[in-house]
Amino acid sequence: MKIKKIKECSAFIAGDKTIIRELMHPLNDKIDIGYSLAHAEVKKGQSSVPHRLKGSELYHILAGMGVMHIEDQSFFVEPGDSFLVPPNALQYIENRGEESLVFLCIVEPFWQESDELIE
């Protein structure tokens, strides 16, 4: 069994400019899973940089509100929303609220910097 607390996870700025905390990652945590789980944050008035991932990505919005862009589609997101970004799809998320936009991301196969293409 593996248990982690978010306050024990170091934050870093990902290539898409989101603030990331890797909650579970097979390479960092030495666990046998094929995906990674991250806590992400986009500050008020900011957005992530358009990018593509080789794998699929599942988002779940925890706080804030914004607009998600996947290829030629855009849609409003708020707490409780979940959505899938297909592999290799151009994506970015904008914070359009008055607080940080906070969400969880599951990436399959697990996130690796080399699998992220910044546009």
PDB file of N, CA and C in Angstrom:
ATOM      1  N   MET A   1       0.844  -1.168   0.000  1.00  0.00           N
ATOM      2  CA  MET A   1       0.000   0.000   0.000  1.00  0.00           C
ATOM      3  C   MET A   1       0.890   1.233   0.000  1.00  0.00           C
ATOM      4  N   LYS A   2       0.427   2.280  -0.679  1.00  0.00           N
ATOM      5  CA  LYS A   2       1.176   3.539  -0.753  1.00  0.00           C
ATOM      6  C   LYS A   2       0.243   4.672  -0.358  1.00  0.00           C
ATOM      7  N   ILE A   3       0.640   5.474   0.618  1.00  0.00           N
ATOM      8  CA  ILE A   3      -0.146   6.626   1.064  1.00  0.00           C
ATOM      9  C   ILE A   3       0.760   7.851   1.021  1.00  0.00           C
ATOM     10  N   LYS A   4       0.242   8.946   0.443  1.00  0.00           N
ATOM     11  CA  LYS A   4       0.990  10.205   0.399  1.00  0.00           C
ATOM     12  C   LYS A   4       0.069  11.349   0.776  1.00  0.00           C
ATOM     13  N   LYS A   5       0.641  12.379   1.338  1.00  0.00           N
ATOM     14  CA  LYS A   5      -0.087  13.608   1.646  1.00  0.00           C
ATOM     15  C   LYS A   5       0.382  14.686   0.678  1.00  0.00           C
ATOM     16  N   ILE A   6      -0.561  15.471   0.171  1.00  0.00           N
ATOM     17  CA  ILE A   6      -0.216  16.478  -0.825  1.00  0.00           C
ATOM     18  C   ILE A   6       0.849  17.443  -0.299  1.00  0.00           C
ATOM     19  N   LYS A   7       0.804  17.768   0.978  1.00  0.00           N
ATOM     20  CA  LYS A   7       1.781  18.710   1.538  1.00  0.00           C
ATOM     21  C   LYS A   7       3.202  18.135   1.514  1.00  0.00           C
ATOM     22  N   GLU A   8       3.322  16.833   1.304  1.00  0.00           N
ATOM     23  CA  GLU A   8       4.636  16.198   1.217  1.00  0.00           C
ATOM     24  C   GLU A   8       5.155  16.137  -0.225  1.00  0.00           C
ATOM     25  N   CYS A   9       4.318  16.560  -1.175  1.00  0.00           N
ATOM     26  CA  CYS A   9       4.684  16.507  -2.598  1.00  0.00           C
ATOM     27  C   CYS A   9       5.205  17.866  -3.045  1.00  0.00           C
ATOM     28  N   SER A  10       6.400  17.902  -3.558  1.00  0.00           N
ATOM     29  CA  SER A  10       6.991  19.155  -4.008  1.00  0.00           C
ATOM     30  C   SER A  10       6.305  19.656  -5.271  1.00  0.00           C
ATOM     31  N   ALA A  11       6.083  20.957  -5.338  1.00  0.00           N
ATOM     32  CA  ALA A  11       5.487  21.575  -6.520  1.00  0.00           C
ATOM     33  C   ALA A  11       6.581  21.928  -7.521  1.00  0.00           C
ATOM     34  N   PHE A  12       6.238  21.840  -8.809  1.00  0.00           N
ATOM     35  CA  PHE A  12       7.144  22.288  -9.866  1.00  0.00           C
ATOM     36  C   PHE A  12       6.312  22.857 -11.005  1.00  0.00           C
ATOM     37  N   ILE A  13       6.943  23.637 -11.851  1.00  0.00           N
ATOM     38  CA  ILE A  13       6.276  24.213 -13.012  1.00  0.00           C
ATOM     39  C   ILE A  13       6.506  23.263 -14.188  1.00  0.00           C
ATOM     40  N   ALA A  14       5.396  22.728 -14.721  1.00  0.00           N
ATOM     41  CA  ALA A  14       5.486  21.810 -15.863  1.00  0.00           C
ATOM     42  C   ALA A  14       5.755  22.589 -17.143  1.00  0.00           C
ATOM     43  N   GLY A  15       6.055  21.869 -18.202  1.00  0.00           N
ATOM     44  CA  GLY A  15       6.322  22.490 -19.496  1.00  0.00           C
ATOM     45  C   GLY A  15       5.166  23.326 -20.003  1.00  0.00           C
ATOM     46  N   ASP A  16       3.933  22.968 -19.595  1.00  0.00           N
ATOM     47  CA  ASP A  16       2.760  23.744 -20.031  1.00  0.00           C
ATOM     48  C   ASP A  16       2.466  24.917 -19.104  1.00  0.00           C
ATOM     49  N   LYS A  17       3.348  25.165 -18.124  1.00  0.00           N
ATOM     50  CA  LYS A  17       3.293  26.289 -17.175  1.00  0.00           C
ATOM     51  C   LYS A  17       2.275  26.127 -16.053  1.00  0.00           C
ATOM     52  N   THR A  18       1.735  24.924 -15.857  1.00  0.00           N
ATOM     53  CA  THR A  18       0.883  24.688 -14.694  1.00  0.00           C
ATOM     54  C   THR A  18       1.760  24.327 -13.497  1.00  0.00           C
ATOM     55  N   ILE A  19       1.231  24.570 -12.309  1.00  0.00           N
ATOM     56  CA  ILE A  19       1.912  24.189 -11.076  1.00  0.00           C
ATOM     57  C   ILE A  19       1.472  22.765 -10.765  1.00  0.00           C
ATOM     58  N   ILE A  20       2.416  21.857 -10.715  1.00  0.00           N
ATOM     59  CA  ILE A  20       2.122  20.426 -10.586  1.00  0.00           C
ATOM     60  C   ILE A  20       2.707  19.868  -9.293  1.00  0.00           C
ATOM     61  N   ARG A  21       1.945  18.960  -8.697  1.00  0.00           N
ATOM     62  CA  ARG A  21       2.428  18.117  -7.603  1.00  0.00           C
ATOM     63  C   ARG A  21       2.103  16.692  -8.007  1.00  0.00           C
ATOM     64  N   GLU A  22       3.119  15.886  -8.217  1.00  0.00           N
ATOM     65  CA  GLU A  22       2.901  14.476  -8.569  1.00  0.00           C
ATOM     66  C   GLU A  22       2.455  13.735  -7.311  1.00  0.00           C
ATOM     67  N   LEU A  23       1.208  13.290  -7.294  1.00  0.00           N
ATOM     68  CA  LEU A  23       0.675  12.583  -6.134  1.00  0.00           C
ATOM     69  C   LEU A  23       1.068  11.112  -6.145  1.00  0.00           C
ATOM     70  N   MET A  24       0.980  10.496  -7.313  1.00  0.00           N
ATOM     71  CA  MET A  24       1.409   9.108  -7.484  1.00  0.00           C
ATOM     72  C   MET A  24       2.023   8.974  -8.876  1.00  0.00           C
ATOM     73  N   HIS A  25       3.214   8.450  -8.909  1.00  0.00           N
ATOM     74  CA  HIS A  25       3.918   8.260 -10.174  1.00  0.00           C
ATOM     75  C   HIS A  25       4.783   7.009 -10.034  1.00  0.00           C
ATOM     76  N   PRO A  26       4.665   6.079 -10.979  1.00  0.00           N
ATOM     77  CA  PRO A  26       5.388   4.809 -10.816  1.00  0.00           C
ATOM     78  C   PRO A  26       6.904   4.953 -10.731  1.00  0.00           C
ATOM     79  N   LEU A  27       7.475   5.929 -11.401  1.00  0.00           N
ATOM     80  CA  LEU A  27       8.935   6.087 -11.344  1.00  0.00           C
ATOM     81  C   LEU A  27       9.382   6.752 -10.049  1.00  0.00           C
ATOM     82  N   ASN A  28       8.593   7.699  -9.547  1.00  0.00           N
ATOM     83  CA  ASN A  28       8.965   8.417  -8.319  1.00  0.00           C
ATOM     84  C   ASN A  28       8.634   7.625  -7.059  1.00  0.00           C
ATOM     85  N   ASP A  29       7.546   6.861  -7.111  1.00  0.00           N
ATOM     86  CA  ASP A  29       7.053   6.183  -5.916  1.00  0.00           C
ATOM     87  C   ASP A  29       7.322   4.686  -5.890  1.00  0.00           C
ATOM     88  N   LYS A  30       7.960   4.200  -6.957  1.00  0.00           N
ATOM     89  CA  LYS A  30       8.303   2.782  -7.037  1.00  0.00           C
ATOM     90  C   LYS A  30       7.082   1.899  -6.794  1.00  0.00           C
ATOM     91  N   ILE A  31       6.022   2.194  -7.583  1.00  0.00           N
ATOM     92  CA  ILE A  31       4.799   1.406  -7.530  1.00  0.00           C
ATOM     93  C   ILE A  31       4.509   0.880  -8.933  1.00  0.00           C
ATOM     94  N   ASP A  32       3.834  -0.229  -8.999  1.00  0.00           N
ATOM     95  CA  ASP A  32       3.584  -0.895 -10.275  1.00  0.00           C
ATOM     96  C   ASP A  32       2.218  -0.493 -10.833  1.00  0.00           C
ATOM     97  N   ILE A  33       2.160   0.715 -11.417  1.00  0.00           N
ATOM     98  CA  ILE A  33       0.953   1.193 -12.087  1.00  0.00           C
ATOM     99  C   ILE A  33       1.367   1.765 -13.438  1.00  0.00           C
ATOM    100  N   GLY A  34       0.443   1.827 -14.373  1.00  0.00           N
ATOM    101  CA  GLY A  34       0.751   2.317 -15.718  1.00  0.00           C
ATOM    102  C   GLY A  34       0.324   3.745 -15.962  1.00  0.00           C
ATOM    103  N   TYR A  35      -0.074   4.449 -14.921  1.00  0.00           N
ATOM    104  CA  TYR A  35      -0.550   5.828 -15.040  1.00  0.00           C
ATOM    105  C   TYR A  35       0.067   6.663 -13.933  1.00  0.00           C
ATOM    106  N   SER A  36      -0.125   7.987 -14.017  1.00  0.00           N
ATOM    107  CA  SER A  36       0.301   8.882 -12.947  1.00  0.00           C
ATOM    108  C   SER A  36      -0.873   9.759 -12.549  1.00  0.00           C
ATOM    109  N   LEU A  37      -0.846  10.237 -11.312  1.00  0.00           N
ATOM    110  CA  LEU A  37      -1.874  11.120 -10.775  1.00  0.00           C
ATOM    111  C   LEU A  37      -1.194  12.383 -10.284  1.00  0.00           C
ATOM    112  N   ALA A  38      -1.656  13.528 -10.801  1.00  0.00           N
ATOM    113  CA  ALA A  38      -1.069  14.818 -10.418  1.00  0.00           C
ATOM    114  C   ALA A  38      -2.150  15.786  -9.971  1.00  0.00           C
ATOM    115  N   HIS A  39      -1.771  16.679  -9.074  1.00  0.00           N
ATOM    116  CA  HIS A  39      -2.591  17.797  -8.630  1.00  0.00           C
ATOM    117  C   HIS A  39      -2.041  19.006  -9.374  1.00  0.00           C
ATOM    118  N   ALA A  40      -2.910  19.731 -10.071  1.00  0.00           N
ATOM    119  CA  ALA A  40      -2.461  20.853 -10.897  1.00  0.00           C
ATOM    120  C   ALA A  40      -3.181  22.133 -10.495  1.00  0.00           C
ATOM    121  N   GLU A  41      -2.499  23.259 -10.734  1.00  0.00           N
ATOM    122  CA  GLU A  41      -3.072  24.563 -10.411  1.00  0.00           C
ATOM    123  C   GLU A  41      -2.690  25.562 -11.498  1.00  0.00           C
ATOM    124  N   VAL A  42      -3.692  26.364 -11.892  1.00  0.00           N
ATOM    125  CA  VAL A  42      -3.472  27.492 -12.795  1.00  0.00           C
ATOM    126  C   VAL A  42      -3.977  28.721 -12.039  1.00  0.00           C
ATOM    127  N   LYS A  43      -3.085  29.661 -11.795  1.00  0.00           N
ATOM    128  CA  LYS A  43      -3.419  30.851 -11.017  1.00  0.00           C
ATOM    129  C   LYS A  43      -4.437  31.735 -11.738  1.00  0.00           C
ATOM    130  N   LYS A  44      -5.114  32.570 -10.978  1.00  0.00           N
ATOM    131  CA  LYS A  44      -6.107  33.513 -11.494  1.00  0.00           C
ATOM    132  C   LYS A  44      -5.521  34.308 -12.666  1.00  0.00           C
ATOM    133  N   GLY A  45      -6.286  34.389 -13.759  1.00  0.00           N
ATOM    134  CA  GLY A  45      -5.882  35.179 -14.922  1.00  0.00           C
ATOM    135  C   GLY A  45      -4.848  34.514 -15.818  1.00  0.00           C
ATOM    136  N   GLN A  46      -4.453  33.292 -15.523  1.00  0.00           N
ATOM    137  CA  GLN A  46      -3.430  32.612 -16.319  1.00  0.00           C
ATOM    138  C   GLN A  46      -4.024  31.428 -17.073  1.00  0.00           C
ATOM    139  N   SER A  47      -3.222  30.833 -17.917  1.00  0.00           N
ATOM    140  CA  SER A  47      -3.624  29.628 -18.636  1.00  0.00           C
ATOM    141  C   SER A  47      -2.414  28.741 -18.837  1.00  0.00           C
ATOM    142  N   SER A  48      -2.687  27.492 -19.115  1.00  0.00           N
ATOM    143  CA  SER A  48      -1.586  26.609 -19.483  1.00  0.00           C
ATOM    144  C   SER A  48      -1.204  26.918 -20.926  1.00  0.00           C
ATOM    145  N   VAL A  49      -0.058  26.449 -21.328  1.00  0.00           N
ATOM    146  CA  VAL A  49       0.440  26.653 -22.686  1.00  0.00           C
ATOM    147  C   VAL A  49      -0.113  25.529 -23.565  1.00  0.00           C
ATOM    148  N   PRO A  50      -0.547  25.836 -24.781  1.00  0.00           N
ATOM    149  CA  PRO A  50      -1.009  24.753 -25.661  1.00  0.00           C
ATOM    150  C   PRO A  50       0.065  23.669 -25.796  1.00  0.00           C
ATOM    151  N   HIS A  51      -0.387  22.431 -25.641  1.00  0.00           N
ATOM    152  CA  HIS A  51       0.540  21.305 -25.653  1.00  0.00           C
ATOM    153  C   HIS A  51      -0.193  20.029 -26.042  1.00  0.00           C
ATOM    154  N   ARG A  52       0.585  19.005 -26.301  1.00  0.00           N
ATOM    155  CA  ARG A  52       0.065  17.669 -26.616  1.00  0.00           C
ATOM    156  C   ARG A  52       0.795  16.653 -25.746  1.00  0.00           C
ATOM    157  N   LEU A  53       0.084  15.620 -25.352  1.00  0.00           N
ATOM    158  CA  LEU A  53       0.695  14.494 -24.646  1.00  0.00           C
ATOM    159  C   LEU A  53       0.538  13.253 -25.508  1.00  0.00           C
ATOM    160  N   LYS A  54       1.532  12.381 -25.475  1.00  0.00           N
ATOM    161  CA  LYS A  54       1.439  11.137 -26.246  1.00  0.00           C
ATOM    162  C   LYS A  54       0.311  10.244 -25.749  1.00  0.00           C
ATOM    163  N   GLY A  55       0.027  10.301 -24.446  1.00  0.00           N
ATOM    164  CA  GLY A  55      -1.016   9.465 -23.870  1.00  0.00           C
ATOM    165  C   GLY A  55      -2.299  10.231 -23.632  1.00  0.00           C
ATOM    166  N   SER A  56      -3.279   9.551 -23.064  1.00  0.00           N
ATOM    167  CA  SER A  56      -4.542  10.196 -22.726  1.00  0.00           C
ATOM    168  C   SER A  56      -4.431  10.851 -21.348  1.00  0.00           C
ATOM    169  N   GLU A  57      -5.303  11.821 -21.122  1.00  0.00           N
ATOM    170  CA  GLU A  57      -5.287  12.544 -19.858  1.00  0.00           C
ATOM    171  C   GLU A  57      -6.723  12.755 -19.390  1.00  0.00           C
ATOM    172  N   LEU A  58      -6.982  12.379 -18.159  1.00  0.00           N
ATOM    173  CA  LEU A  58      -8.296  12.560 -17.558  1.00  0.00           C
ATOM    174  C   LEU A  58      -8.190  13.676 -16.520  1.00  0.00           C
ATOM    175  N   TYR A  59      -9.017  14.699 -16.664  1.00  0.00           N
ATOM    176  CA  TYR A  59      -9.047  15.829 -15.735  1.00  0.00           C
ATOM    177  C   TYR A  59     -10.254  15.700 -14.816  1.00  0.00           C
ATOM    178  N   HIS A  60     -10.103  16.174 -13.583  1.00  0.00           N
ATOM    179  CA  HIS A  60     -11.233  16.341 -12.667  1.00  0.00           C
ATOM    180  C   HIS A  60     -11.034  17.683 -11.960  1.00  0.00           C
ATOM    181  N   ILE A  61     -11.983  18.601 -12.148  1.00  0.00           N
ATOM    182  CA  ILE A  61     -11.878  19.953 -11.596  1.00  0.00           C
ATOM    183  C   ILE A  61     -12.282  19.938 -10.123  1.00  0.00           C
ATOM    184  N   LEU A  62     -11.404  20.484  -9.268  1.00  0.00           N
ATOM    185  CA  LEU A  62     -11.652  20.555  -7.826  1.00  0.00           C
ATOM    186  C   LEU A  62     -12.123  21.931  -7.383  1.00  0.00           C
ATOM    187  N   ALA A  63     -11.551  23.009  -7.958  1.00  0.00           N
ATOM    188  CA  ALA A  63     -11.876  24.377  -7.536  1.00  0.00           C
ATOM    189  C   ALA A  63     -11.633  25.339  -8.689  1.00  0.00           C
ATOM    190  N   GLY A  64     -12.349  26.452  -8.650  1.00  0.00           N
ATOM    191  CA  GLY A  64     -12.196  27.478  -9.676  1.00  0.00           C
ATOM    192  C   GLY A  64     -13.072  27.191 -10.883  1.00  0.00           C
ATOM    193  N   MET A  65     -12.908  28.033 -11.894  1.00  0.00           N
ATOM    194  CA  MET A  65     -13.649  27.846 -13.133  1.00  0.00           C
ATOM    195  C   MET A  65     -12.803  28.326 -14.288  1.00  0.00           C
ATOM    196  N   GLY A  66     -13.098  27.777 -15.450  1.00  0.00           N
ATOM    197  CA  GLY A  66     -12.301  28.159 -16.602  1.00  0.00           C
ATOM    198  C   GLY A  66     -12.870  27.614 -17.883  1.00  0.00           C
ATOM    199  N   VAL A  67     -12.048  27.662 -18.906  1.00  0.00           N
ATOM    200  CA  VAL A  67     -12.415  27.148 -20.217  1.00  0.00           C
ATOM    201  C   VAL A  67     -11.327  26.179 -20.654  1.00  0.00           C
ATOM    202  N   MET A  68     -11.752  24.982 -21.037  1.00  0.00           N
ATOM    203  CA  MET A  68     -10.845  23.963 -21.549  1.00  0.00           C
ATOM    204  C   MET A  68     -10.922  23.965 -23.056  1.00  0.00           C
ATOM    205  N   HIS A  69      -9.762  23.881 -23.689  1.00  0.00           N
ATOM    206  CA  HIS A  69      -9.657  23.835 -25.150  1.00  0.00           C
ATOM    207  C   HIS A  69      -9.002  22.512 -25.533  1.00  0.00           C
ATOM    208  N   ILE A  70      -9.705  21.730 -26.349  1.00  0.00           N
ATOM    209  CA  ILE A  70      -9.172  20.471 -26.870  1.00  0.00           C
ATOM    210  C   ILE A  70      -9.390  20.494 -28.376  1.00  0.00           C
ATOM    211  N   GLU A  71      -8.283  20.563 -29.109  1.00  0.00           N
ATOM    212  CA  GLU A  71      -8.344  20.707 -30.569  1.00  0.00           C
ATOM    213  C   GLU A  71      -9.232  21.904 -30.909  1.00  0.00           C
ATOM    214  N   ASP A  72     -10.312  21.719 -31.657  1.00  0.00           N
ATOM    215  CA  ASP A  72     -11.150  22.852 -32.061  1.00  0.00           C
ATOM    216  C   ASP A  72     -12.395  23.009 -31.182  1.00  0.00           C
ATOM    217  N   GLN A  73     -12.429  22.331 -30.035  1.00  0.00           N
ATOM    218  CA  GLN A  73     -13.559  22.449 -29.111  1.00  0.00           C
ATOM    219  C   GLN A  73     -13.139  23.203 -27.860  1.00  0.00           C
ATOM    220  N   SER A  74     -14.055  24.025 -27.335  1.00  0.00           N
ATOM    221  CA  SER A  74     -13.841  24.742 -26.077  1.00  0.00           C
ATOM    222  C   SER A  74     -15.097  24.596 -25.233  1.00  0.00           C
ATOM    223  N   PHE A  75     -14.929  24.443 -23.913  1.00  0.00           N
ATOM    224  CA  PHE A  75     -16.081  24.307 -23.042  1.00  0.00           C
ATOM    225  C   PHE A  75     -15.746  24.796 -21.644  1.00  0.00           C
ATOM    226  N   PHE A  76     -16.767  25.307 -20.961  1.00  0.00           N
ATOM    227  CA  PHE A  76     -16.667  25.819 -19.606  1.00  0.00           C
ATOM    228  C   PHE A  76     -16.468  24.657 -18.642  1.00  0.00           C
ATOM    229  N   VAL A  77     -15.601  24.838 -17.633  1.00  0.00           N
ATOM    230  CA  VAL A  77     -15.380  23.811 -16.610  1.00  0.00           C
ATOM    231  C   VAL A  77     -15.511  24.430 -15.229  1.00  0.00           C
ATOM    232  N   GLU A  78     -16.015  23.623 -14.295  1.00  0.00           N
ATOM    233  CA  GLU A  78     -16.201  24.058 -12.914  1.00  0.00           C
ATOM    234  C   GLU A  78     -16.042  22.839 -12.002  1.00  0.00           C
ATOM    235  N   PRO A  79     -15.995  23.054 -10.677  1.00  0.00           N
ATOM    236  CA  PRO A  79     -15.807  21.934  -9.764  1.00  0.00           C
ATOM    237  C   PRO A  79     -16.825  20.807  -9.997  1.00  0.00           C
ATOM    238  N   GLY A  80     -16.309  19.599  -9.995  1.00  0.00           N
ATOM    239  CA  GLY A  80     -17.127  18.414 -10.210  1.00  0.00           C
ATOM    240  C   GLY A  80     -17.095  17.903 -11.631  1.00  0.00           C
ATOM    241  N   ASP A  81     -16.571  18.705 -12.568  1.00  0.00           N
ATOM    242  CA  ASP A  81     -16.491  18.275 -13.965  1.00  0.00           C
ATOM    243  C   ASP A  81     -15.292  17.359 -14.182  1.00  0.00           C
ATOM    244  N   SER A  82     -15.498  16.333 -14.996  1.00  0.00           N
ATOM    245  CA  SER A  82     -14.426  15.426 -15.414  1.00  0.00           C
ATOM    246  C   SER A  82     -14.493  15.294 -16.926  1.00  0.00           C
ATOM    247  N   PHE A  83     -13.336  15.195 -17.567  1.00  0.00           N
ATOM    248  CA  PHE A  83     -13.321  15.045 -19.018  1.00  0.00           C
ATOM    249  C   PHE A  83     -12.014  14.401 -19.452  1.00  0.00           C
ATOM    250  N   LEU A  84     -12.072  13.781 -20.622  1.00  0.00           N
ATOM    251  CA  LEU A  84     -10.935  13.056 -21.176  1.00  0.00           C
ATOM    252  C   LEU A  84     -10.319  13.826 -22.336  1.00  0.00           C
ATOM    253  N   VAL A  85      -9.004  13.943 -22.324  1.00  0.00           N
ATOM    254  CA  VAL A  85      -8.255  14.506 -23.446  1.00  0.00           C
ATOM    255  C   VAL A  85      -7.612  13.322 -24.168  1.00  0.00           C
ATOM    256  N   PRO A  86      -7.968  13.117 -25.446  1.00  0.00           N
ATOM    257  CA  PRO A  86      -7.406  11.978 -26.183  1.00  0.00           C
ATOM    258  C   PRO A  86      -5.896  12.126 -26.410  1.00  0.00           C
ATOM    259  N   PRO A  87      -5.207  11.023 -26.668  1.00  0.00           N
ATOM    260  CA  PRO A  87      -3.774  11.090 -26.974  1.00  0.00           C
ATOM    261  C   PRO A  87      -3.499  12.036 -28.142  1.00  0.00           C
ATOM    262  N   ASN A  88      -2.422  12.782 -28.037  1.00  0.00           N
ATOM    263  CA  ASN A  88      -1.914  13.685 -29.081  1.00  0.00           C
ATOM    264  C   ASN A  88      -2.828  14.854 -29.416  1.00  0.00           C
ATOM    265  N   ALA A  89      -3.873  15.100 -28.620  1.00  0.00           N
ATOM    266  CA  ALA A  89      -4.770  16.231 -28.876  1.00  0.00           C
ATOM    267  C   ALA A  89      -4.143  17.526 -28.361  1.00  0.00           C
ATOM    268  N   LEU A  90      -4.240  18.585 -29.148  1.00  0.00           N
ATOM    269  CA  LEU A  90      -3.783  19.900 -28.711  1.00  0.00           C
ATOM    270  C   LEU A  90      -4.733  20.377 -27.607  1.00  0.00           C
ATOM    271  N   GLN A  91      -4.161  20.795 -26.485  1.00  0.00           N
ATOM    272  CA  GLN A  91      -4.981  21.169 -25.334  1.00  0.00           C
ATOM    273  C   GLN A  91      -4.361  22.302 -24.542  1.00  0.00           C
ATOM    274  N   TYR A  92      -5.231  23.077 -23.899  1.00  0.00           N
ATOM    275  CA  TYR A  92      -4.812  24.023 -22.864  1.00  0.00           C
ATOM    276  C   TYR A  92      -6.045  24.435 -22.081  1.00  0.00           C
ATOM    277  N   ILE A  93      -5.814  24.945 -20.875  1.00  0.00           N
ATOM    278  CA  ILE A  93      -6.917  25.341 -20.006  1.00  0.00           C
ATOM    279  C   ILE A  93      -6.682  26.766 -19.520  1.00  0.00           C
ATOM    280  N   GLU A  94      -7.742  27.565 -19.523  1.00  0.00           N
ATOM    281  CA  GLU A  94      -7.682  28.961 -19.085  1.00  0.00           C
ATOM    282  C   GLU A  94      -8.425  29.114 -17.766  1.00  0.00           C
ATOM    283  N   ASN A  95      -7.838  29.853 -16.844  1.00  0.00           N
ATOM    284  CA  ASN A  95      -8.527  30.185 -15.607  1.00  0.00           C
ATOM    285  C   ASN A  95      -9.309  31.472 -15.860  1.00  0.00           C
ATOM    286  N   ARG A  96     -10.610  31.397 -15.769  1.00  0.00           N
ATOM    287  CA  ARG A  96     -11.461  32.568 -15.980  1.00  0.00           C
ATOM    288  C   ARG A  96     -12.187  32.974 -14.704  1.00  0.00           C
ATOM    289  N   GLY A  97     -11.769  32.426 -13.591  1.00  0.00           N
ATOM    290  CA  GLY A  97     -12.422  32.711 -12.315  1.00  0.00           C
ATOM    291  C   GLY A  97     -11.658  33.708 -11.474  1.00  0.00           C
ATOM    292  N   GLU A  98     -12.106  33.852 -10.248  1.00  0.00           N
ATOM    293  CA  GLU A  98     -11.516  34.796  -9.292  1.00  0.00           C
ATOM    294  C   GLU A  98     -10.585  34.111  -8.297  1.00  0.00           C
ATOM    295  N   GLU A  99     -10.355  32.826  -8.478  1.00  0.00           N
ATOM    296  CA  GLU A  99      -9.463  32.063  -7.605  1.00  0.00           C
ATOM    297  C   GLU A  99      -8.647  31.105  -8.478  1.00  0.00           C
ATOM    298  N   SER A 100      -7.728  30.391  -7.877  1.00  0.00           N
ATOM    299  CA  SER A 100      -6.952  29.405  -8.625  1.00  0.00           C
ATOM    300  C   SER A 100      -7.871  28.324  -9.180  1.00  0.00           C
ATOM    301  N   LEU A 101      -7.544  27.868 -10.375  1.00  0.00           N
ATOM    302  CA  LEU A 101      -8.213  26.723 -10.998  1.00  0.00           C
ATOM    303  C   LEU A 101      -7.393  25.498 -10.600  1.00  0.00           C
ATOM    304  N   VAL A 102      -8.011  24.579  -9.882  1.00  0.00           N
ATOM    305  CA  VAL A 102      -7.304  23.428  -9.313  1.00  0.00           C
ATOM    306  C   VAL A 102      -7.971  22.158  -9.835  1.00  0.00           C
ATOM    307  N   PHE A 103      -7.147  21.204 -10.261  1.00  0.00           N
ATOM    308  CA  PHE A 103      -7.696  19.974 -10.827  1.00  0.00           C
ATOM    309  C   PHE A 103      -6.729  18.822 -10.647  1.00  0.00           C
ATOM    310  N   LEU A 104      -7.271  17.616 -10.766  1.00  0.00           N
ATOM    311  CA  LEU A 104      -6.472  16.405 -10.775  1.00  0.00           C
ATOM    312  C   LEU A 104      -6.312  15.941 -12.214  1.00  0.00           C
ATOM    313  N   CYS A 105      -5.164  15.346 -12.516  1.00  0.00           N
ATOM    314  CA  CYS A 105      -4.912  14.793 -13.848  1.00  0.00           C
ATOM    315  C   CYS A 105      -4.395  13.365 -13.695  1.00  0.00           C
ATOM    316  N   ILE A 106      -5.050  12.468 -14.400  1.00  0.00           N
ATOM    317  CA  ILE A 106      -4.538  11.110 -14.519  1.00  0.00           C
ATOM    318  C   ILE A 106      -4.017  10.975 -15.943  1.00  0.00           C
ATOM    319  N   VAL A 107      -2.762  10.614 -16.084  1.00  0.00           N
ATOM    320  CA  VAL A 107      -2.135  10.472 -17.399  1.00  0.00           C
ATOM    321  C   VAL A 107      -1.783   8.998 -17.597  1.00  0.00           C
ATOM    322  N   GLU A 108      -2.195   8.473 -18.771  1.00  0.00           N
ATOM    323  CA  GLU A 108      -1.951   7.060 -19.072  1.00  0.00           C
ATOM    324  C   GLU A 108      -1.457   6.934 -20.512  1.00  0.00           C
ATOM    325  N   PRO A 109      -0.281   6.372 -20.763  1.00  0.00           N
ATOM    326  CA  PRO A 109       0.652   5.898 -19.740  1.00  0.00           C
ATOM    327  C   PRO A 109       1.207   7.065 -18.920  1.00  0.00           C
ATOM    328  N   PHE A 110       1.839   6.766 -17.811  1.00  0.00           N
ATOM    329  CA  PHE A 110       2.281   7.786 -16.861  1.00  0.00           C
ATOM    330  C   PHE A 110       3.040   8.927 -17.536  1.00  0.00           C
ATOM    331  N   TRP A 111       2.846  10.137 -16.941  1.00  0.00           N
ATOM    332  CA  TRP A 111       3.433  11.359 -17.483  1.00  0.00           C
ATOM    333  C   TRP A 111       4.957  11.280 -17.466  1.00  0.00           C
ATOM    334  N   GLN A 112       5.536  11.702 -18.583  1.00  0.00           N
ATOM    335  CA  GLN A 112       6.978  11.882 -18.699  1.00  0.00           C
ATOM    336  C   GLN A 112       7.207  13.155 -19.507  1.00  0.00           C
ATOM    337  N   GLU A 113       8.136  13.946 -19.080  1.00  0.00           N
ATOM    338  CA  GLU A 113       8.415  15.202 -19.768  1.00  0.00           C
ATOM    339  C   GLU A 113       8.681  14.982 -21.258  1.00  0.00           C
ATOM    340  N   SER A 114       9.336  13.899 -21.598  1.00  0.00           N
ATOM    341  CA  SER A 114       9.663  13.613 -23.001  1.00  0.00           C
ATOM    342  C   SER A 114       8.425  13.318 -23.848  1.00  0.00           C
ATOM    343  N   ASP A 115       7.287  13.015 -23.204  1.00  0.00           N
ATOM    344  CA  ASP A 115       6.048  12.718 -23.928  1.00  0.00           C
ATOM    345  C   ASP A 115       5.156  13.953 -24.098  1.00  0.00           C
ATOM    346  N   GLU A 116       5.644  15.111 -23.669  1.00  0.00           N
ATOM    347  CA  GLU A 116       4.869  16.347 -23.744  1.00  0.00           C
ATOM    348  C   GLU A 116       5.481  17.252 -24.810  1.00  0.00           C
ATOM    349  N   LEU A 117       4.658  17.649 -25.773  1.00  0.00           N
ATOM    350  CA  LEU A 117       5.098  18.542 -26.848  1.00  0.00           C
ATOM    351  C   LEU A 117       4.444  19.888 -26.644  1.00  0.00           C
ATOM    352  N   ILE A 118       5.253  20.924 -26.360  1.00  0.00           N
ATOM    353  CA  ILE A 118       4.749  22.282 -26.177  1.00  0.00           C
ATOM    354  C   ILE A 118       4.629  22.931 -27.541  1.00  0.00           C
ATOM    355  N   GLU A 119       3.474  23.507 -27.815  1.00  0.00           N
ATOM    356  CA  GLU A 119       3.228  24.133 -29.139  1.00  0.00           C
ATOM    357  C   GLU A 119       3.742  25.564 -29.150  1.00  0.00           C
TER     358      GLU A 119
END
